[in-house]
PDB file of N, CA and C in Angstrom:
ATOM      1  N   MET A   1      17.669 -22.277  -2.904  1.00  0.00           N
ATOM      2  CA  MET A   1      18.150 -20.962  -3.244  1.00  0.00           C
ATOM      3  C   MET A   1      19.491 -20.747  -2.546  1.00  0.00           C
ATOM      4  N   VAL A   2      20.453 -20.350  -3.316  1.00  0.00           N
ATOM      5  CA  VAL A   2      21.786 -20.078  -2.804  1.00  0.00           C
ATOM      6  C   VAL A   2      21.899 -18.576  -2.568  1.00  0.00           C
ATOM      7  N   PHE A   3      22.377 -18.207  -1.391  1.00  0.00           N
ATOM      8  CA  PHE A   3      22.540 -16.794  -1.081  1.00  0.00           C
ATOM      9  C   PHE A   3      23.797 -16.272  -1.766  1.00  0.00           C
ATOM     10  N   ASP A   4      23.603 -15.384  -2.742  1.00  0.00           N
ATOM     11  CA  ASP A   4      24.724 -14.769  -3.432  1.00  0.00           C
ATOM     12  C   ASP A   4      24.424 -13.280  -3.613  1.00  0.00           C
ATOM     13  N   VAL A   5      25.222 -12.618  -4.401  1.00  0.00           N
ATOM     14  CA  VAL A   5      25.082 -11.176  -4.584  1.00  0.00           C
ATOM     15  C   VAL A   5      23.731 -10.836  -5.215  1.00  0.00           C
ATOM     16  N   SER A   6      23.278 -11.634  -6.140  1.00  0.00           N
ATOM     17  CA  SER A   6      22.010 -11.377  -6.806  1.00  0.00           C
ATOM     18  C   SER A   6      20.833 -11.427  -5.828  1.00  0.00           C
ATOM     19  N   VAL A   7      20.830 -12.404  -4.968  1.00  0.00           N
ATOM     20  CA  VAL A   7      19.760 -12.519  -3.965  1.00  0.00           C
ATOM     21  C   VAL A   7      19.826 -11.360  -2.981  1.00  0.00           C
ATOM     22  N   ALA A   8      21.031 -10.989  -2.579  1.00  0.00           N
ATOM     23  CA  ALA A   8      21.196  -9.868  -1.654  1.00  0.00           C
ATOM     24  C   ALA A   8      20.694  -8.565  -2.273  1.00  0.00           C
ATOM     25  N   MET A   9      21.005  -8.344  -3.544  1.00  0.00           N
ATOM     26  CA  MET A   9      20.544  -7.130  -4.219  1.00  0.00           C
ATOM     27  C   MET A   9      19.028  -7.121  -4.397  1.00  0.00           C
ATOM     28  N   THR A  10      18.453  -8.292  -4.645  1.00  0.00           N
ATOM     29  CA  THR A  10      17.002  -8.386  -4.769  1.00  0.00           C
ATOM     30  C   THR A  10      16.331  -8.017  -3.452  1.00  0.00           C
ATOM     31  N   TRP A  11      16.814  -8.577  -2.358  1.00  0.00           N
ATOM     32  CA  TRP A  11      16.254  -8.251  -1.051  1.00  0.00           C
ATOM     33  C   TRP A  11      16.481  -6.789  -0.696  1.00  0.00           C
ATOM     34  N   LEU A  12      17.630  -6.259  -1.059  1.00  0.00           N
ATOM     35  CA  LEU A  12      17.922  -4.857  -0.781  1.00  0.00           C
ATOM     36  C   LEU A  12      16.945  -3.948  -1.519  1.00  0.00           C
ATOM     37  N   LEU A  13      16.681  -4.251  -2.785  1.00  0.00           N
ATOM     38  CA  LEU A  13      15.720  -3.453  -3.546  1.00  0.00           C
ATOM     39  C   LEU A  13      14.326  -3.577  -2.948  1.00  0.00           C
ATOM     40  N   PHE A  14      13.915  -4.792  -2.604  1.00  0.00           N
ATOM     41  CA  PHE A  14      12.583  -4.995  -2.026  1.00  0.00           C
ATOM     42  C   PHE A  14      12.439  -4.243  -0.705  1.00  0.00           C
ATOM     43  N   LEU A  15      13.413  -4.367   0.172  1.00  0.00           N
ATOM     44  CA  LEU A  15      13.325  -3.688   1.465  1.00  0.00           C
ATOM     45  C   LEU A  15      13.422  -2.175   1.341  1.00  0.00           C
ATOM     46  N   ALA A  16      14.118  -1.695   0.321  1.00  0.00           N
ATOM     47  CA  ALA A  16      14.235  -0.251   0.111  1.00  0.00           C
ATOM     48  C   ALA A  16      12.929   0.368  -0.370  1.00  0.00           C
ATOM     49  N   LEU A  17      12.038  -0.429  -0.935  1.00  0.00           N
ATOM     50  CA  LEU A  17      10.760   0.108  -1.411  1.00  0.00           C
ATOM     51  C   LEU A  17       9.920   0.682  -0.267  1.00  0.00           C
ATOM     52  N   PHE A  18      10.031   0.106   0.923  1.00  0.00           N
ATOM     53  CA  PHE A  18       9.238   0.563   2.069  1.00  0.00           C
ATOM     54  C   PHE A  18       9.597   1.979   2.508  1.00  0.00           C
ATOM     55  N   PRO A  19      10.867   2.274   2.849  1.00  0.00           N
ATOM     56  CA  PRO A  19      11.167   3.648   3.263  1.00  0.00           C
ATOM     57  C   PRO A  19      11.044   4.665   2.127  1.00  0.00           C
ATOM     58  N   ILE A  20      11.323   4.245   0.907  1.00  0.00           N
ATOM     59  CA  ILE A  20      11.193   5.179  -0.217  1.00  0.00           C
ATOM     60  C   ILE A  20       9.743   5.606  -0.382  1.00  0.00           C
ATOM     61  N   SER A  21       8.823   4.650  -0.405  1.00  0.00           N
ATOM     62  CA  SER A  21       7.412   4.997  -0.573  1.00  0.00           C
ATOM     63  C   SER A  21       6.887   5.783   0.627  1.00  0.00           C
ATOM     64  N   PHE A  22       7.350   5.448   1.844  1.00  0.00           N
ATOM     65  CA  PHE A  22       6.943   6.205   3.028  1.00  0.00           C
ATOM     66  C   PHE A  22       7.412   7.651   2.926  1.00  0.00           C
ATOM     67  N   TYR A  23       8.653   7.856   2.524  1.00  0.00           N
ATOM     68  CA  TYR A  23       9.201   9.205   2.414  1.00  0.00           C
ATOM     69  C   TYR A  23       8.443  10.018   1.367  1.00  0.00           C
ATOM     70  N   TRP A  24       8.132   9.412   0.240  1.00  0.00           N
ATOM     71  CA  TRP A  24       7.407  10.136  -0.802  1.00  0.00           C
ATOM     72  C   TRP A  24       5.989  10.461  -0.368  1.00  0.00           C
ATOM     73  N   LEU A  25       5.320   9.548   0.326  1.00  0.00           N
ATOM     74  CA  LEU A  25       3.977   9.838   0.841  1.00  0.00           C
ATOM     75  C   LEU A  25       4.025  10.940   1.901  1.00  0.00           C
ATOM     76  N   ARG A  26       5.012  10.885   2.778  1.00  0.00           N
ATOM     77  CA  ARG A  26       5.140  11.917   3.810  1.00  0.00           C
ATOM     78  C   ARG A  26       5.431  13.277   3.186  1.00  0.00           C
ATOM     79  N   ARG A  27       6.233  13.290   2.144  1.00  0.00           N
ATOM     80  CA  ARG A  27       6.543  14.549   1.465  1.00  0.00           C
ATOM     81  C   ARG A  27       5.303  15.134   0.792  1.00  0.00           C
ATOM     82  N   ALA A  28       4.497  14.278   0.159  1.00  0.00           N
ATOM     83  CA  ALA A  28       3.252  14.744  -0.454  1.00  0.00           C
ATOM     84  C   ALA A  28       2.301  15.267   0.621  1.00  0.00           C
ATOM     85  N   TRP A  29       2.223  14.574   1.750  1.00  0.00           N
ATOM     86  CA  TRP A  29       1.368  15.004   2.859  1.00  0.00           C
ATOM     87  C   TRP A  29       1.822  16.369   3.392  1.00  0.00           C
ATOM     88  N   THR A  30       3.119  16.538   3.551  1.00  0.00           N
ATOM     89  CA  THR A  30       3.657  17.795   4.070  1.00  0.00           C
ATOM     90  C   THR A  30       3.341  18.954   3.140  1.00  0.00           C
ATOM     91  N   ILE A  31       3.454  18.723   1.857  1.00  0.00           N
ATOM     92  CA  ILE A  31       3.213  19.798   0.893  1.00  0.00           C
ATOM     93  C   ILE A  31       1.715  20.080   0.758  1.00  0.00           C
ATOM     94  N   ALA A  32       0.902  19.030   0.626  1.00  0.00           N
ATOM     95  CA  ALA A  32      -0.518  19.217   0.338  1.00  0.00           C
ATOM     96  C   ALA A  32      -1.336  19.583   1.567  1.00  0.00           C
ATOM     97  N   VAL A  33      -1.144  18.897   2.672  1.00  0.00           N
ATOM     98  CA  VAL A  33      -2.004  19.086   3.838  1.00  0.00           C
ATOM     99  C   VAL A  33      -1.444  20.138   4.797  1.00  0.00           C
ATOM    100  N   LYS A  34      -0.169  20.059   5.089  1.00  0.00           N
ATOM    101  CA  LYS A  34       0.433  21.006   6.025  1.00  0.00           C
ATOM    102  C   LYS A  34       0.815  22.325   5.367  1.00  0.00           C
ATOM    103  N   ARG A  35       0.734  22.380   4.053  1.00  0.00           N
ATOM    104  CA  ARG A  35       1.055  23.584   3.266  1.00  0.00           C
ATOM    105  C   ARG A  35       2.485  24.074   3.501  1.00  0.00           C
ATOM    106  N   ASP A  36       3.398  23.124   3.695  1.00  0.00           N
ATOM    107  CA  ASP A  36       4.808  23.447   3.873  1.00  0.00           C
ATOM    108  C   ASP A  36       5.512  23.237   2.540  1.00  0.00           C
ATOM    109  N   THR A  37       5.810  24.321   1.870  1.00  0.00           N
ATOM    110  CA  THR A  37       6.424  24.237   0.547  1.00  0.00           C
ATOM    111  C   THR A  37       7.932  24.501   0.602  1.00  0.00           C
ATOM    112  N   SER A  38       8.525  24.311   1.756  1.00  0.00           N
ATOM    113  CA  SER A  38       9.947  24.627   1.909  1.00  0.00           C
ATOM    114  C   SER A  38      10.855  23.673   1.138  1.00  0.00           C
ATOM    115  N   GLU A  39      10.367  22.500   0.752  1.00  0.00           N
ATOM    116  CA  GLU A  39      11.191  21.544   0.015  1.00  0.00           C
ATOM    117  C   GLU A  39      10.753  21.375  -1.433  1.00  0.00           C
ATOM    118  N   VAL A  40       9.962  22.283  -1.942  1.00  0.00           N
ATOM    119  CA  VAL A  40       9.464  22.180  -3.312  1.00  0.00           C
ATOM    120  C   VAL A  40      10.483  22.790  -4.265  1.00  0.00           C
ATOM    121  N   ALA A  41      10.904  22.009  -5.267  1.00  0.00           N
ATOM    122  CA  ALA A  41      11.744  22.468  -6.375  1.00  0.00           C
ATOM    123  C   ALA A  41      13.038  23.124  -5.913  1.00  0.00           C
ATOM    124  N   LEU A  42      13.730  22.492  -4.999  1.00  0.00           N
ATOM    125  CA  LEU A  42      15.008  23.028  -4.534  1.00  0.00           C
ATOM    126  C   LEU A  42      16.088  22.831  -5.588  1.00  0.00           C
ATOM    127  N   LYS A  43      16.921  23.841  -5.739  1.00  0.00           N
ATOM    128  CA  LYS A  43      18.069  23.764  -6.638  1.00  0.00           C
ATOM    129  C   LYS A  43      19.288  24.182  -5.835  1.00  0.00           C
ATOM    130  N   ARG A  44      20.164  23.218  -5.556  1.00  0.00           N
ATOM    131  CA  ARG A  44      21.344  23.432  -4.714  1.00  0.00           C
ATOM    132  C   ARG A  44      20.944  23.984  -3.349  1.00  0.00           C
ATOM    133  N   GLY A  45      19.837  23.514  -2.820  1.00  0.00           N
ATOM    134  CA  GLY A  45      19.371  23.916  -1.503  1.00  0.00           C
ATOM    135  C   GLY A  45      18.620  25.223  -1.466  1.00  0.00           C
ATOM    136  N   GLU A  46      18.490  25.872  -2.613  1.00  0.00           N
ATOM    137  CA  GLU A  46      17.816  27.168  -2.683  1.00  0.00           C
ATOM    138  C   GLU A  46      16.428  26.994  -3.269  1.00  0.00           C
ATOM    139  N   ALA A  47      15.447  27.598  -2.637  1.00  0.00           N
ATOM    140  CA  ALA A  47      14.057  27.496  -3.087  1.00  0.00           C
ATOM    141  C   ALA A  47      13.783  28.513  -4.190  1.00  0.00           C
ATOM    142  N   PRO A  48      12.862  28.191  -5.097  1.00  0.00           N
ATOM    143  CA  PRO A  48      12.496  29.160  -6.132  1.00  0.00           C
ATOM    144  C   PRO A  48      11.673  30.287  -5.513  1.00  0.00           C
ATOM    145  N   PRO A  49      11.547  31.408  -6.210  1.00  0.00           N
ATOM    146  CA  PRO A  49      10.802  32.534  -5.634  1.00  0.00           C
ATOM    147  C   PRO A  49       9.300  32.254  -5.469  1.00  0.00           C
ATOM    148  N   ASN A  50       8.742  31.361  -6.256  1.00  0.00           N
ATOM    149  CA  ASN A  50       7.297  31.086  -6.193  1.00  0.00           C
ATOM    150  C   ASN A  50       7.051  29.590  -5.958  1.00  0.00           C
ATOM    151  N   GLN A  51       7.340  29.137  -4.756  1.00  0.00           N
ATOM    152  CA  GLN A  51       7.219  27.715  -4.428  1.00  0.00           C
ATOM    153  C   GLN A  51       5.792  27.215  -4.534  1.00  0.00           C
ATOM    154  N   ALA A  52       4.840  28.016  -4.138  1.00  0.00           N
ATOM    155  CA  ALA A  52       3.438  27.580  -4.121  1.00  0.00           C
ATOM    156  C   ALA A  52       2.937  27.244  -5.525  1.00  0.00           C
ATOM    157  N   LYS A  53       3.495  27.880  -6.529  1.00  0.00           N
ATOM    158  CA  LYS A  53       3.092  27.610  -7.912  1.00  0.00           C
ATOM    159  C   LYS A  53       3.450  26.188  -8.328  1.00  0.00           C
ATOM    160  N   TYR A  54       4.556  25.681  -7.837  1.00  0.00           N
ATOM    161  CA  TYR A  54       5.032  24.355  -8.235  1.00  0.00           C
ATOM    162  C   TYR A  54       4.685  23.258  -7.235  1.00  0.00           C
ATOM    163  N   ALA A  55       4.046  23.609  -6.127  1.00  0.00           N
ATOM    164  CA  ALA A  55       3.678  22.626  -5.106  1.00  0.00           C
ATOM    165  C   ALA A  55       2.732  21.544  -5.632  1.00  0.00           C
ATOM    166  N   PRO A  56       1.688  21.871  -6.409  1.00  0.00           N
ATOM    167  CA  PRO A  56       0.808  20.801  -6.899  1.00  0.00           C
ATOM    168  C   PRO A  56       1.532  19.776  -7.771  1.00  0.00           C
ATOM    169  N   TYR A  57       2.483  20.232  -8.559  1.00  0.00           N
ATOM    170  CA  TYR A  57       3.246  19.308  -9.397  1.00  0.00           C
ATOM    171  C   TYR A  57       4.105  18.381  -8.542  1.00  0.00           C
ATOM    172  N   ALA A  58       4.709  18.924  -7.496  1.00  0.00           N
ATOM    173  CA  ALA A  58       5.518  18.100  -6.594  1.00  0.00           C
ATOM    174  C   ALA A  58       4.652  17.071  -5.875  1.00  0.00           C
ATOM    175  N   VAL A  59       3.446  17.470  -5.477  1.00  0.00           N
ATOM    176  CA  VAL A  59       2.533  16.537  -4.807  1.00  0.00           C
ATOM    177  C   VAL A  59       2.145  15.403  -5.754  1.00  0.00           C
ATOM    178  N   ILE A  60       1.819  15.736  -6.985  1.00  0.00           N
ATOM    179  CA  ILE A  60       1.419  14.722  -7.964  1.00  0.00           C
ATOM    180  C   ILE A  60       2.574  13.754  -8.238  1.00  0.00           C
ATOM    181  N   ILE A  61       3.773  14.279  -8.424  1.00  0.00           N
ATOM    182  CA  ILE A  61       4.939  13.425  -8.680  1.00  0.00           C
ATOM    183  C   ILE A  61       5.164  12.469  -7.515  1.00  0.00           C
ATOM    184  N   ASN A  62       5.085  12.984  -6.284  1.00  0.00           N
ATOM    185  CA  ASN A  62       5.308  12.143  -5.108  1.00  0.00           C
ATOM    186  C   ASN A  62       4.195  11.120  -4.918  1.00  0.00           C
ATOM    187  N   LEU A  63       2.948  11.511  -5.118  1.00  0.00           N
ATOM    188  CA  LEU A  63       1.838  10.574  -4.934  1.00  0.00           C
ATOM    189  C   LEU A  63       1.856   9.450  -5.971  1.00  0.00           C
ATOM    190  N   ILE A  64       2.114   9.787  -7.208  1.00  0.00           N
ATOM    191  CA  ILE A  64       2.152   8.751  -8.243  1.00  0.00           C
ATOM    192  C   ILE A  64       3.320   7.801  -7.993  1.00  0.00           C
ATOM    193  N   GLY A  65       4.481   8.348  -7.675  1.00  0.00           N
ATOM    194  CA  GLY A  65       5.639   7.503  -7.401  1.00  0.00           C
ATOM    195  C   GLY A  65       5.409   6.570  -6.221  1.00  0.00           C
ATOM    196  N   ALA A  66       4.872   7.110  -5.129  1.00  0.00           N
ATOM    197  CA  ALA A  66       4.604   6.281  -3.948  1.00  0.00           C
ATOM    198  C   ALA A  66       3.514   5.265  -4.234  1.00  0.00           C
ATOM    199  N   GLY A  67       2.499   5.663  -4.999  1.00  0.00           N
ATOM    200  CA  GLY A  67       1.420   4.733  -5.344  1.00  0.00           C
ATOM    201  C   GLY A  67       1.916   3.548  -6.156  1.00  0.00           C
ATOM    202  N   VAL A  68       2.787   3.810  -7.102  1.00  0.00           N
ATOM    203  CA  VAL A  68       3.330   2.726  -7.917  1.00  0.00           C
ATOM    204  C   VAL A  68       4.178   1.790  -7.059  1.00  0.00           C
ATOM    205  N   LEU A  69       4.985   2.353  -6.166  1.00  0.00           N
ATOM    206  CA  LEU A  69       5.807   1.497  -5.306  1.00  0.00           C
ATOM    207  C   LEU A  69       4.954   0.679  -4.341  1.00  0.00           C
ATOM    208  N   ILE A  70       3.884   1.242  -3.837  1.00  0.00           N
ATOM    209  CA  ILE A  70       2.980   0.480  -2.970  1.00  0.00           C
ATOM    210  C   ILE A  70       2.311  -0.638  -3.763  1.00  0.00           C
ATOM    211  N   PHE A  71       1.930  -0.359  -4.996  1.00  0.00           N
ATOM    212  CA  PHE A  71       1.377  -1.394  -5.868  1.00  0.00           C
ATOM    213  C   PHE A  71       2.387  -2.524  -6.065  1.00  0.00           C
ATOM    214  N   VAL A  72       3.647  -2.179  -6.256  1.00  0.00           N
ATOM    215  CA  VAL A  72       4.692  -3.185  -6.438  1.00  0.00           C
ATOM    216  C   VAL A  72       4.876  -4.004  -5.155  1.00  0.00           C
ATOM    217  N   ILE A  73       4.886  -3.349  -4.006  1.00  0.00           N
ATOM    218  CA  ILE A  73       5.027  -4.064  -2.739  1.00  0.00           C
ATOM    219  C   ILE A  73       3.883  -5.058  -2.558  1.00  0.00           C
ATOM    220  N   ILE A  74       2.674  -4.621  -2.811  1.00  0.00           N
ATOM    221  CA  ILE A  74       1.519  -5.515  -2.680  1.00  0.00           C
ATOM    222  C   ILE A  74       1.609  -6.659  -3.687  1.00  0.00           C
ATOM    223  N   GLY A  75       2.038  -6.377  -4.905  1.00  0.00           N
ATOM    224  CA  GLY A  75       2.201  -7.421  -5.913  1.00  0.00           C
ATOM    225  C   GLY A  75       3.253  -8.442  -5.550  1.00  0.00           C
ATOM    226  N   ILE A  76       4.329  -7.984  -4.913  1.00  0.00           N
ATOM    227  CA  ILE A  76       5.385  -8.910  -4.492  1.00  0.00           C
ATOM    228  C   ILE A  76       4.878  -9.809  -3.370  1.00  0.00           C
ATOM    229  N   VAL A  77       4.264  -9.191  -2.368  1.00  0.00           N
ATOM    230  CA  VAL A  77       3.778  -9.961  -1.220  1.00  0.00           C
ATOM    231  C   VAL A  77       2.685 -10.946  -1.647  1.00  0.00           C
ATOM    232  N   ALA A  78       1.822 -10.534  -2.567  1.00  0.00           N
ATOM    233  CA  ALA A  78       0.754 -11.407  -3.048  1.00  0.00           C
ATOM    234  C   ALA A  78       1.280 -12.480  -3.999  1.00  0.00           C
ATOM    235  N   GLY A  79       2.470 -12.297  -4.514  1.00  0.00           N
ATOM    236  CA  GLY A  79       3.058 -13.270  -5.430  1.00  0.00           C
ATOM    237  C   GLY A  79       2.565 -13.143  -6.857  1.00  0.00           C
ATOM    238  N   SER A  80       1.963 -12.023  -7.190  1.00  0.00           N
ATOM    239  CA  SER A  80       1.427 -11.857  -8.543  1.00  0.00           C
ATOM    240  C   SER A  80       2.423 -11.216  -9.511  1.00  0.00           C
ATOM    241  N   LEU A  81       3.522 -10.680  -9.003  1.00  0.00           N
ATOM    242  CA  LEU A  81       4.529 -10.074  -9.872  1.00  0.00           C
ATOM    243  C   LEU A  81       5.804 -10.903  -9.835  1.00  0.00           C
ATOM    244  N   GLU A  82       6.324 -11.206 -11.010  1.00  0.00           N
ATOM    245  CA  GLU A  82       7.589 -11.926 -11.089  1.00  0.00           C
ATOM    246  C   GLU A  82       8.741 -10.946 -10.885  1.00  0.00           C
ATOM    247  N   TYR A  83       9.926 -11.489 -10.631  1.00  0.00           N
ATOM    248  CA  TYR A  83      11.082 -10.661 -10.311  1.00  0.00           C
ATOM    249  C   TYR A  83      11.391  -9.647 -11.408  1.00  0.00           C
ATOM    250  N   GLU A  84      11.435 -10.094 -12.651  1.00  0.00           N
ATOM    251  CA  GLU A  84      11.774  -9.189 -13.754  1.00  0.00           C
ATOM    252  C   GLU A  84      10.776  -8.051 -13.862  1.00  0.00           C
ATOM    253  N   THR A  85       9.510  -8.358 -13.631  1.00  0.00           N
ATOM    254  CA  THR A  85       8.460  -7.354 -13.753  1.00  0.00           C
ATOM    255  C   THR A  85       8.551  -6.328 -12.634  1.00  0.00           C
ATOM    256  N   TRP A  86       8.576  -6.801 -11.393  1.00  0.00           N
ATOM    257  CA  TRP A  86       8.546  -5.838 -10.297  1.00  0.00           C
ATOM    258  C   TRP A  86       9.844  -5.050 -10.185  1.00  0.00           C
ATOM    259  N   SER A  87      10.974  -5.648 -10.515  1.00  0.00           N
ATOM    260  CA  SER A  87      12.219  -4.886 -10.443  1.00  0.00           C
ATOM    261  C   SER A  87      12.273  -3.825 -11.542  1.00  0.00           C
ATOM    262  N   ALA A  88      11.709  -4.143 -12.708  1.00  0.00           N
ATOM    263  CA  ALA A  88      11.657  -3.146 -13.788  1.00  0.00           C
ATOM    264  C   ALA A  88      10.718  -1.996 -13.431  1.00  0.00           C
ATOM    265  N   ILE A  89       9.560  -2.321 -12.874  1.00  0.00           N
ATOM    266  CA  ILE A  89       8.606  -1.274 -12.497  1.00  0.00           C
ATOM    267  C   ILE A  89       9.196  -0.394 -11.392  1.00  0.00           C
ATOM    268  N   ALA A  90       9.754  -1.027 -10.370  1.00  0.00           N
ATOM    269  CA  ALA A  90      10.307  -0.267  -9.244  1.00  0.00           C
ATOM    270  C   ALA A  90      11.497   0.586  -9.677  1.00  0.00           C
ATOM    271  N   GLY A  91      12.395   0.006 -10.435  1.00  0.00           N
ATOM    272  CA  GLY A  91      13.560   0.761 -10.886  1.00  0.00           C
ATOM    273  C   GLY A  91      13.191   1.927 -11.783  1.00  0.00           C
ATOM    274  N   SER A  92      12.283   1.698 -12.701  1.00  0.00           N
ATOM    275  CA  SER A  92      11.843   2.772 -13.595  1.00  0.00           C
ATOM    276  C   SER A  92      11.133   3.873 -12.826  1.00  0.00           C
ATOM    277  N   THR A  93      10.338   3.493 -11.849  1.00  0.00           N
ATOM    278  CA  THR A  93       9.627   4.489 -11.050  1.00  0.00           C
ATOM    279  C   THR A  93      10.596   5.351 -10.252  1.00  0.00           C
ATOM    280  N   ILE A  94      11.569   4.736  -9.636  1.00  0.00           N
ATOM    281  CA  ILE A  94      12.552   5.496  -8.853  1.00  0.00           C
ATOM    282  C   ILE A  94      13.320   6.461  -9.751  1.00  0.00           C
ATOM    283  N   TRP A  95      13.777   5.979 -10.903  1.00  0.00           N
ATOM    284  CA  TRP A  95      14.517   6.862 -11.809  1.00  0.00           C
ATOM    285  C   TRP A  95      13.641   7.976 -12.368  1.00  0.00           C
ATOM    286  N   LEU A  96      12.407   7.650 -12.748  1.00  0.00           N
ATOM    287  CA  LEU A  96      11.526   8.687 -13.283  1.00  0.00           C
ATOM    288  C   LEU A  96      11.199   9.737 -12.225  1.00  0.00           C
ATOM    289  N   LYS A  97      11.027   9.321 -10.993  1.00  0.00           N
ATOM    290  CA  LYS A  97      10.759  10.277  -9.902  1.00  0.00           C
ATOM    291  C   LYS A  97      11.941  11.215  -9.736  1.00  0.00           C
ATOM    292  N   ILE A  98      13.148  10.679  -9.759  1.00  0.00           N
ATOM    293  CA  ILE A  98      14.339  11.517  -9.631  1.00  0.00           C
ATOM    294  C   ILE A  98      14.443  12.489 -10.798  1.00  0.00           C
ATOM    295  N   ILE A  99      14.207  12.002 -12.009  1.00  0.00           N
ATOM    296  CA  ILE A  99      14.302  12.854 -13.205  1.00  0.00           C
ATOM    297  C   ILE A  99      13.230  13.934 -13.195  1.00  0.00           C
ATOM    298  N   LEU A 100      11.995  13.582 -12.829  1.00  0.00           N
ATOM    299  CA  LEU A 100      10.912  14.572 -12.805  1.00  0.00           C
ATOM    300  C   LEU A 100      11.121  15.619 -11.714  1.00  0.00           C
ATOM    301  N   ASP A 101      11.633  15.225 -10.555  1.00  0.00           N
ATOM    302  CA  ASP A 101      11.964  16.210  -9.522  1.00  0.00           C
ATOM    303  C   ASP A 101      13.058  17.155  -9.998  1.00  0.00           C
ATOM    304  N   PHE A 102      14.053  16.604 -10.688  1.00  0.00           N
ATOM    305  CA  PHE A 102      15.121  17.439 -11.236  1.00  0.00           C
ATOM    306  C   PHE A 102      14.569  18.428 -12.257  1.00  0.00           C
ATOM    307  N   ALA A 103      13.723  17.948 -13.166  1.00  0.00           N
ATOM    308  CA  ALA A 103      13.140  18.817 -14.191  1.00  0.00           C
ATOM    309  C   ALA A 103      12.271  19.898 -13.563  1.00  0.00           C
ATOM    310  N   LEU A 104      11.495  19.539 -12.551  1.00  0.00           N
ATOM    311  CA  LEU A 104      10.653  20.527 -11.876  1.00  0.00           C
ATOM    312  C   LEU A 104      11.495  21.592 -11.203  1.00  0.00           C
ATOM    313  N   SER A 105      12.569  21.194 -10.554  1.00  0.00           N
ATOM    314  CA  SER A 105      13.407  22.187  -9.875  1.00  0.00           C
ATOM    315  C   SER A 105      14.084  23.114 -10.874  1.00  0.00           C
ATOM    316  N   ARG A 106      14.521  22.561 -11.993  1.00  0.00           N
ATOM    317  CA  ARG A 106      15.162  23.419 -12.996  1.00  0.00           C
ATOM    318  C   ARG A 106      14.155  24.368 -13.640  1.00  0.00           C
ATOM    319  N   HIS A 107      12.969  23.879 -13.897  1.00  0.00           N
ATOM    320  CA  HIS A 107      11.943  24.738 -14.494  1.00  0.00           C
ATOM    321  C   HIS A 107      11.520  25.844 -13.518  1.00  0.00           C
ATOM    322  N   ALA A 108      11.432  25.518 -12.245  1.00  0.00           N
ATOM    323  CA  ALA A 108      11.008  26.505 -11.254  1.00  0.00           C
ATOM    324  C   ALA A 108      12.036  27.621 -11.083  1.00  0.00           C
ATOM    325  N   HIS A 109      13.281  27.342 -11.380  1.00  0.00           N
ATOM    326  CA  HIS A 109      14.328  28.352 -11.212  1.00  0.00           C
ATOM    327  C   HIS A 109      14.641  29.109 -12.490  1.00  0.00           C
ATOM    328  N   MET A 110      13.939  28.827 -13.579  1.00  0.00           N
ATOM    329  CA  MET A 110      14.160  29.571 -14.827  1.00  0.00           C
ATOM    330  C   MET A 110      13.680  31.006 -14.648  1.00  0.00           C
ATOM    331  N   LYS A 111      14.386  31.890 -15.280  1.00  0.00           N
ATOM    332  CA  LYS A 111      13.987  33.287 -15.232  1.00  0.00           C
ATOM    333  C   LYS A 111      13.321  33.620 -16.566  1.00  0.00           C
ATOM    334  N   PHE A 112      12.042  33.947 -16.485  1.00  0.00           N
ATOM    335  CA  PHE A 112      11.279  34.282 -17.672  1.00  0.00           C
ATOM    336  C   PHE A 112      11.122  35.794 -17.783  1.00  0.00           C
ATOM    337  N   GLY A 113      11.052  36.272 -19.008  1.00  0.00           N
ATOM    338  CA  GLY A 113      10.826  37.693 -19.231  1.00  0.00           C
ATOM    339  C   GLY A 113      12.080  38.521 -19.034  1.00  0.00           C
ATOM    340  N   ARG A 114      11.893  39.830 -18.989  1.00  0.00           N
ATOM    341  CA  ARG A 114      13.024  40.741 -18.833  1.00  0.00           C
ATOM    342  C   ARG A 114      13.384  40.884 -17.362  1.00  0.00           C
ATOM    343  N   GLN A 115      14.665  41.088 -17.151  1.00  0.00           N
ATOM    344  CA  GLN A 115      15.142  41.236 -15.763  1.00  0.00           C
ATOM    345  C   GLN A 115      15.590  42.647 -15.506  1.00  0.00           C
TER     346      GLN A 115
END
């Protein structure tokens, strides 16, 4: 194996899975167990008026995302996932988590009804 940019990027993605999954698990723990909803559905640093309403959705998004990344880490270490497979799963999971958090924050800040 020759060390080049491709190998470096592969290792970077693999090593990044650890802190990403830890952060998502810690965030789910903070919201679900500690009942701290201060980081739920933030939009430009501002919290929605009813954070507790959207907390379960944030917990589910974080738990599923972290669970998939942990599955990928275990698959890589066990040697059961090939590079194309695990990089596609990990990349898609990271992007979907970002998109779903964005959608949740925008939905939480919508103003419904008359003002």
